[in-house]
Amino acid sequence: MSVSRSAFYIDGFNLYHAIADLNEPFLKWCNLWKLAEIVVPSKSEAIVKVTFCTAYYPGDERKKWRHQQYIQALTNVNVSVVMGHYIREDWKCRDCGFDWQKPTEKETDINLALSLYEDAVNDVYDKAYLVTADSDQAATASFFKKAFPHKSLVTVSPPGRKFSSHIAKIADERLALNKDHLDMSVFPNIVLGDRAARRPNEYEPPAWWVHPDNRPDGKGSGNS
């Protein structure tokens, strides 16, 4: 049986906010390559690439440091990180007339779409997993299926999120991520590479939790 080459394309902000809503901060320290390996059929598919699209939020240095540590950890396990940026846009309250500048994220959506497309052109994969619940990516899915009819597209919903119905109508398959998938994919405290990445204190797991590498069966939440 031939093995299909599979690649993941992850909307970083869409996934981050979904994990944040689970109220388990340690799950944010997630090895996305391992996550991909866990959710694909291991006998018929092989992960060849994982791409994570994100941007640094301006102004909060501690938050930026956590983000930098996470990106370094991902880089250390061969995840491709594509960076966007923020700009400050002028906003005004209609009720009180107050003016302020709101940070607005730019490029992540287009970076996700272009990464998916570029790798299809270069025949990197046979099957693409698009991890987002953002219906704006329906245009990406539609273009992809028309341009590459012999490649498969899987729409992947972040944990606790519904599938985008617009993307689901176009995709060949659906996959729903859940909390257990994340739990099984948590990085260790230190992730070694050209530069080691250290887990931020804010992502310290609860005392009862056992890392998957240290569980007798390698499965489950570790909460006994």
Foldseek 3Di string as FASTA:
>chain_A
DEAFEEEEQALQVQQVVLVVVVVQLLLVQFQVVLLVCVFDDVVRYDYQAYEYEEEADPDDVVSNLQVVLSVVLNVQVPHHYDYWYWDWDWDADPPPGDIDTDIDTDDRLVVSLVVVVVCVVVVRGQEYEYEHQDLVCLVSLVVCCVVCVRGFYEYEYHAPDDHNPSNVVRGPYYYYDHPQSSLLGRDPQWRDHPDIRGRDPSSDGDPQFDHLVPDPVSGDRSRD
